Protein backbone atom coordinates (compact mmCIF):
# COMPACT_ATOMS: atom_id res chain seq x y z
CA MET A 1 174.76 43.06 137.29
CA ILE A 2 175.18 43.86 133.59
CA GLU A 3 173.85 40.41 132.65
CA GLU A 4 170.81 40.84 134.93
CA THR A 5 170.04 44.26 133.41
CA PHE A 6 170.39 42.83 129.89
CA ASN A 7 168.06 39.94 130.76
CA LEU A 8 165.54 42.36 132.25
CA ILE A 9 165.55 44.47 129.06
CA ILE A 10 165.02 41.36 126.93
CA MET A 11 162.16 40.23 129.15
CA LYS A 12 160.49 43.63 128.90
CA LYS A 13 160.79 43.60 125.11
CA VAL A 14 159.33 40.10 124.92
CA PHE A 15 156.47 41.15 127.19
CA VAL A 16 155.71 44.22 125.04
CA LEU A 17 155.84 42.11 121.86
CA TRP A 18 153.52 39.53 123.42
CA ALA A 19 151.09 42.26 124.49
CA VAL A 20 151.04 43.75 121.00
CA LEU A 21 150.46 40.36 119.39
CA ALA A 22 147.75 39.56 121.90
CA ALA A 23 146.06 42.88 121.23
CA LEU A 24 146.19 42.27 117.51
CA GLY A 25 144.79 38.82 118.03
CA CYS A 26 141.92 40.21 120.08
CA ALA A 27 141.28 42.86 117.48
CA ASN A 28 141.14 40.28 114.72
CA ALA A 29 138.93 38.03 116.78
CA TYR A 30 136.59 40.94 117.54
CA ALA A 31 136.47 41.92 113.89
CA ASN A 32 135.36 38.42 112.95
CA GLU A 33 132.72 38.10 115.66
CA PRO A 34 129.22 37.73 114.21
CA VAL A 35 127.30 40.99 113.87
CA TYR A 36 124.03 39.08 114.08
CA GLU A 37 122.13 36.75 116.38
CA HIS A 38 119.68 33.96 115.70
CA VAL A 39 116.37 35.05 117.27
CA GLY A 40 114.26 31.98 116.69
CA GLU A 41 113.09 29.76 113.84
CA SER A 42 114.40 31.32 110.60
CA LYS A 43 114.87 34.89 111.86
CA TYR A 44 118.15 36.74 112.42
CA ARG A 45 118.85 40.14 113.95
CA VAL A 46 121.67 42.50 112.97
CA THR A 47 122.37 45.21 115.55
CA VAL A 48 124.48 48.35 115.58
CA GLY A 49 124.08 50.71 118.54
CA ASP A 50 120.35 51.24 119.16
CA VAL A 51 119.45 50.14 115.64
CA ALA A 52 118.28 46.60 114.88
CA MET A 53 117.32 44.91 111.60
CA THR A 54 115.49 41.57 111.56
CA ILE A 55 115.66 39.26 108.53
CA ASP A 56 113.61 36.14 107.85
CA ALA A 57 115.57 33.58 105.82
CA ALA A 58 112.46 31.44 105.26
CA ALA A 59 110.41 34.33 103.83
CA GLY A 60 112.51 35.24 100.82
CA GLY A 61 115.29 36.67 102.96
CA LYS A 62 113.07 39.72 103.57
CA ILE A 63 113.90 42.44 106.06
CA LEU A 64 110.88 42.26 108.38
CA SER A 65 111.84 44.96 110.85
CA PHE A 66 114.10 48.00 111.12
CA LYS A 67 113.97 49.65 114.52
CA CYS A 68 115.65 52.36 116.55
CA GLY A 69 115.07 51.32 120.13
CA ASP A 70 111.48 50.11 120.18
CA VAL A 71 110.27 52.31 117.31
CA GLU A 72 109.57 50.58 113.98
CA VAL A 73 109.94 52.18 110.53
CA ILE A 74 109.04 49.24 108.23
CA SER A 75 105.42 48.58 107.21
CA LEU A 76 104.11 45.54 109.08
CA LEU A 77 100.83 45.21 107.18
CA PRO A 78 100.15 41.49 106.59
CA MET A 79 99.60 41.94 102.85
CA ARG A 80 100.19 38.89 100.67
CA GLU A 81 102.91 40.22 98.34
CA ALA A 82 103.76 43.53 99.98
CA PHE A 83 105.41 43.60 103.39
CA GLY A 84 108.89 44.29 104.71
CA SER A 85 111.85 45.03 102.46
CA THR A 86 112.68 42.73 99.55
CA PHE A 87 114.97 42.44 96.53
CA TRP A 88 114.14 41.86 92.86
CA THR A 89 116.00 41.81 89.59
CA SER A 90 115.39 44.61 87.08
CA PRO A 91 113.88 45.29 84.57
CA GLN A 92 110.47 44.21 85.78
CA LYS A 93 109.26 43.57 82.23
CA GLU A 94 111.29 40.33 82.28
CA TRP A 95 109.00 38.81 84.92
CA ASN A 96 106.04 41.22 85.25
CA TRP A 97 103.99 40.10 88.33
CA PRO A 98 103.93 38.44 90.82
CA PRO A 99 107.51 38.68 92.07
CA VAL A 100 109.89 35.82 91.29
CA PRO A 101 109.26 33.34 94.14
CA GLU A 102 112.88 32.18 94.52
CA TYR A 103 113.92 35.75 95.37
CA ASP A 104 110.83 37.11 97.11
CA LYS A 105 109.22 34.35 99.19
CA MET A 106 111.09 31.03 99.09
CA ALA A 107 113.67 30.07 101.72
CA TYR A 108 117.29 31.26 101.52
CA THR A 109 120.24 29.29 102.87
CA VAL A 110 122.16 30.90 105.74
CA GLU A 111 125.88 30.99 106.46
CA GLU A 112 128.43 33.07 108.31
CA LYS A 113 131.24 34.73 106.37
CA ASP A 114 133.90 36.63 108.34
CA GLY A 115 131.32 37.54 110.96
CA SER A 116 128.65 38.73 108.51
CA LEU A 117 125.30 37.10 107.77
CA VAL A 118 125.02 35.73 104.22
CA LEU A 119 121.72 34.54 102.71
CA THR A 120 121.54 32.83 99.30
CA SER A 121 118.45 32.14 97.22
CA GLN A 122 117.68 29.21 95.00
CA VAL A 123 118.29 29.65 91.27
CA SER A 124 115.22 31.01 89.54
CA GLU A 125 113.85 28.41 87.13
CA ARG A 126 112.61 31.20 84.89
CA LEU A 127 115.44 33.78 84.97
CA LYS A 128 118.44 31.58 85.89
CA TYR A 129 119.77 34.07 88.43
CA ARG A 130 120.75 33.40 92.03
CA VAL A 131 120.56 36.20 94.63
CA ARG A 132 122.88 36.64 97.59
CA LYS A 133 122.40 39.09 100.48
CA GLU A 134 125.21 39.92 102.90
CA PHE A 135 124.45 41.82 106.10
CA THR A 136 127.12 43.54 108.17
CA THR A 137 127.52 46.77 110.13
CA ASP A 138 129.56 49.96 110.21
CA GLU A 139 130.10 50.68 113.90
CA LYS A 140 131.57 54.13 113.28
CA GLU A 141 128.62 55.38 111.24
CA LYS A 142 126.02 53.23 113.05
CA ALA A 143 124.82 51.83 109.73
CA VAL A 144 123.59 48.41 108.66
CA VAL A 145 125.32 47.55 105.38
CA VAL A 146 123.48 45.28 102.94
CA THR A 147 125.36 44.00 99.88
CA TYR A 148 123.26 42.32 97.23
CA SER A 149 124.75 40.05 94.57
CA ILE A 150 123.18 38.61 91.43
CA VAL A 151 124.85 35.51 89.97
CA ASN A 152 124.20 34.51 86.35
CA ASP A 153 123.64 30.75 86.35
CA ALA A 154 122.47 30.70 82.72
CA ASN A 155 124.64 29.35 79.91
CA GLU A 156 124.50 32.68 78.09
CA ALA A 157 125.32 36.33 78.76
CA ARG A 158 122.50 38.28 80.42
CA LYS A 159 121.90 41.92 81.38
CA VAL A 160 120.36 42.71 84.74
CA ALA A 161 120.19 45.39 87.45
CA PRO A 162 119.75 45.11 91.24
CA TRP A 163 116.56 46.49 92.82
CA GLU A 164 115.71 47.02 96.51
CA ILE A 165 112.09 47.62 97.59
CA THR A 166 111.30 48.83 101.12
CA ARG A 167 107.74 49.28 102.37
CA VAL A 168 106.87 51.98 104.91
CA PRO A 169 103.42 53.02 106.22
CA ASN A 170 101.44 55.42 104.02
CA GLU A 171 100.33 57.61 106.87
CA GLY A 172 101.95 60.92 107.74
CA GLY A 173 105.37 60.19 106.25
CA LEU A 174 107.74 62.42 104.30
CA ILE A 175 109.91 61.13 101.45
CA PHE A 176 112.75 63.16 100.00
CA PHE A 177 115.70 62.79 97.65
CA GLU A 178 117.96 64.98 95.57
CA ALA A 179 116.44 65.61 92.12
CA PRO A 180 114.76 68.51 90.31
CA THR A 181 111.00 68.16 90.75
CA GLU A 182 110.46 68.83 87.03
CA SER A 183 112.55 65.73 86.20
CA ILE A 184 110.31 63.35 88.17
CA THR A 185 108.13 61.29 85.82
CA PRO A 186 105.28 60.91 85.13
CA ALA A 187 104.75 64.61 85.77
CA ASP A 188 102.00 65.71 88.19
CA LEU A 189 101.22 62.17 89.31
CA MET A 190 102.38 62.97 92.86
CA THR A 191 102.89 66.39 94.41
CA PHE A 192 106.57 67.07 95.12
CA GLN A 193 107.86 70.25 96.74
CA SER A 194 111.24 71.65 95.78
CA ALA A 195 113.16 72.99 98.80
CA TYR A 196 116.67 72.97 100.28
CA GLY A 197 118.12 71.22 97.22
CA ALA A 198 115.75 68.22 97.31
CA ALA A 199 112.34 67.00 96.17
CA TRP A 200 109.88 66.34 99.03
CA TYR A 201 106.68 64.29 99.02
CA LEU A 202 104.27 64.26 101.98
CA SER A 203 102.30 61.04 101.85
CA ASP A 204 98.61 61.22 100.97
CA ALA A 205 95.92 58.58 100.66
CA THR A 206 93.88 58.17 97.48
CA GLU A 207 92.14 55.26 95.80
CA ALA A 208 94.73 55.14 93.02
CA ASN A 209 98.07 53.35 92.84
CA ARG A 210 100.85 55.71 91.75
CA LYS A 211 104.52 55.34 90.86
CA VAL A 212 107.18 57.86 89.84
CA ASN A 213 110.77 57.61 88.56
CA ALA A 214 113.69 59.93 89.28
CA ASP A 215 117.40 60.27 88.56
CA GLY A 216 118.66 60.95 92.07
CA GLU A 217 122.05 61.47 93.67
CA GLY A 218 122.60 58.13 95.42
CA TRP A 219 120.33 58.50 98.47
CA LEU A 220 116.69 58.24 99.51
CA ALA A 221 115.22 59.37 102.85
CA TYR A 222 112.00 58.86 104.80
CA LYS A 223 110.82 60.80 107.86
CA ASN A 224 107.89 60.16 110.19
CA GLU A 225 106.94 61.63 113.58
CA LYS A 226 109.71 59.81 115.46
CA LEU A 227 112.37 58.58 113.04
CA LEU A 228 114.56 59.54 110.10
CA MET A 229 115.68 56.74 107.78
CA LEU A 230 118.31 57.23 105.10
CA LYS A 231 119.45 54.74 102.49
CA LYS A 232 122.67 55.41 100.57
CA PHE A 233 123.66 53.60 97.36
CA GLN A 234 125.55 54.03 94.08
CA ASN A 235 124.71 57.26 92.23
CA LEU A 236 123.83 56.42 88.62
CA THR A 237 123.99 58.49 85.48
CA SER A 238 120.75 58.77 83.50
CA SER A 239 121.90 56.04 81.08
CA GLN A 240 122.80 53.38 83.69
CA PRO A 241 119.40 52.06 84.91
CA ALA A 242 117.69 49.16 83.16
CA PRO A 243 115.33 50.04 80.29
CA GLY A 244 112.14 51.63 81.57
CA GLU A 245 113.52 51.80 85.14
CA ALA A 246 115.23 54.47 87.29
CA GLU A 247 117.75 54.97 90.09
CA ILE A 248 114.94 56.05 92.46
CA GLN A 249 111.30 55.01 92.36
CA VAL A 250 108.43 55.74 94.74
CA TYR A 251 105.28 53.63 94.62
CA VAL A 252 102.18 54.62 96.64
CA ASN A 253 99.58 51.93 97.17
CA ARG A 254 95.91 52.89 97.35
CA GLY A 255 94.44 54.01 100.67
CA LYS A 256 96.33 54.28 103.96
CA THR A 257 98.35 51.15 103.36
CA TYR A 258 101.99 51.36 102.33
CA ILE A 259 104.59 53.17 100.23
CA GLU A 260 107.51 51.50 98.50
CA LEU A 261 110.89 53.24 98.63
CA GLU A 262 112.79 51.75 95.71
CA SER A 263 116.36 52.11 94.46
CA GLN A 264 118.20 50.39 91.65
CA GLY A 265 121.79 49.79 90.61
CA ALA A 266 123.42 49.81 87.19
CA TYR A 267 122.19 47.61 84.34
CA THR A 268 125.10 45.19 83.87
CA GLU A 269 125.99 42.43 81.44
CA LEU A 270 126.98 39.20 83.15
CA GLN A 271 128.72 36.34 81.41
CA PRO A 272 127.81 32.79 82.50
CA GLY A 273 128.96 32.34 86.09
CA GLU A 274 129.67 36.05 86.59
CA SER A 275 128.06 38.17 89.31
CA LEU A 276 127.49 41.81 90.22
CA SER A 277 127.43 43.34 93.70
CA TRP A 278 125.54 46.42 94.88
CA THR A 279 125.59 47.90 98.38
CA VAL A 280 122.93 49.85 100.29
CA ARG A 281 123.81 51.50 103.59
CA TRP A 282 120.85 51.80 105.97
CA TYR A 283 120.74 54.54 108.63
CA LEU A 284 118.03 55.09 111.24
CA MET A 285 117.92 57.70 113.98
CA PRO A 286 115.46 59.42 116.34
CA ASP A 287 113.96 62.62 114.91
CA SER A 288 110.94 64.32 116.45
CA SER A 289 111.11 67.47 114.32
CA PRO A 290 107.99 68.44 112.30
CA VAL A 291 107.23 66.17 109.34
CA GLU A 292 107.97 68.82 106.74
CA ALA A 293 110.74 69.97 104.42
CA SER A 294 113.48 71.62 106.46
CA GLU A 295 117.09 72.70 106.32
CA GLY A 296 117.71 70.67 109.49
CA LEU A 297 116.70 67.40 107.84
CA MET A 298 118.87 68.12 104.83
CA GLN A 299 121.81 68.90 107.09
CA LYS A 300 121.45 65.52 108.83
CA VAL A 301 121.37 63.75 105.48
CA ARG A 302 124.35 65.62 104.09
CA GLU A 303 126.44 64.75 107.14
CA LEU A 304 125.88 61.05 106.38
CA ILE A 305 126.33 61.11 102.59
CA LYS A 306 129.49 63.24 102.49
């Protein structure tokens, strides 16, 4: 009887240990499951909750779509150099225009790394940098997490900063970020309202291209009639951006076409073979409140950036 009881206790302990190990194994397997799916040709979709981001590896690794349910926030205008969300190196004076083709339009290689989607560009013949984009998700915060890397493939030390450019429609949208309106330059180029601790710009259509710079607080938001999009990134001091650049930039194209929401990381020296990494967290949620500055919008933003 004693031996049977002892054997029963041992069996129960073994069963519990097996269950724990199995659970851990499942957890690890789940953690390494891909967060993306191949949706045809060179396109991939990253999904978290009701939010989906579509990336085209053959088109410069651009983000072509960012949706909540069936509602799109990215500009889909078929303009030659200006659609979707892209990534450049900063400062722009090193390459001027058009964008560097290896980063902006040529095909990226695709691989899976611990369940995330990793895209890698070719080395720029002109600048000798290689760009890598890693896409994953934060299930708890319902965010798509994009980590950009710049690799110095030159045989000398170089200084560079990361730069993300996201196009949204220039029609009835509201852009806001945390910065004193008087610090936005050039002054009076675009009309910003100061309210609830942020600077707010309601999109308007003119026949002039306009661009402003600002030293923000590590986030940039856009609101239209149906959605609120927030992007969160490293907060820079005024001395950290590349020369002539800024942590936050807003470019408005002429007419009712598109607006670029731009953010940049720190200007960093890279030795040969070294790389830098910079992460942007993308949030998108339904919001049918009026397209105007409000305490409610700021409260939603502050809950995500805390």
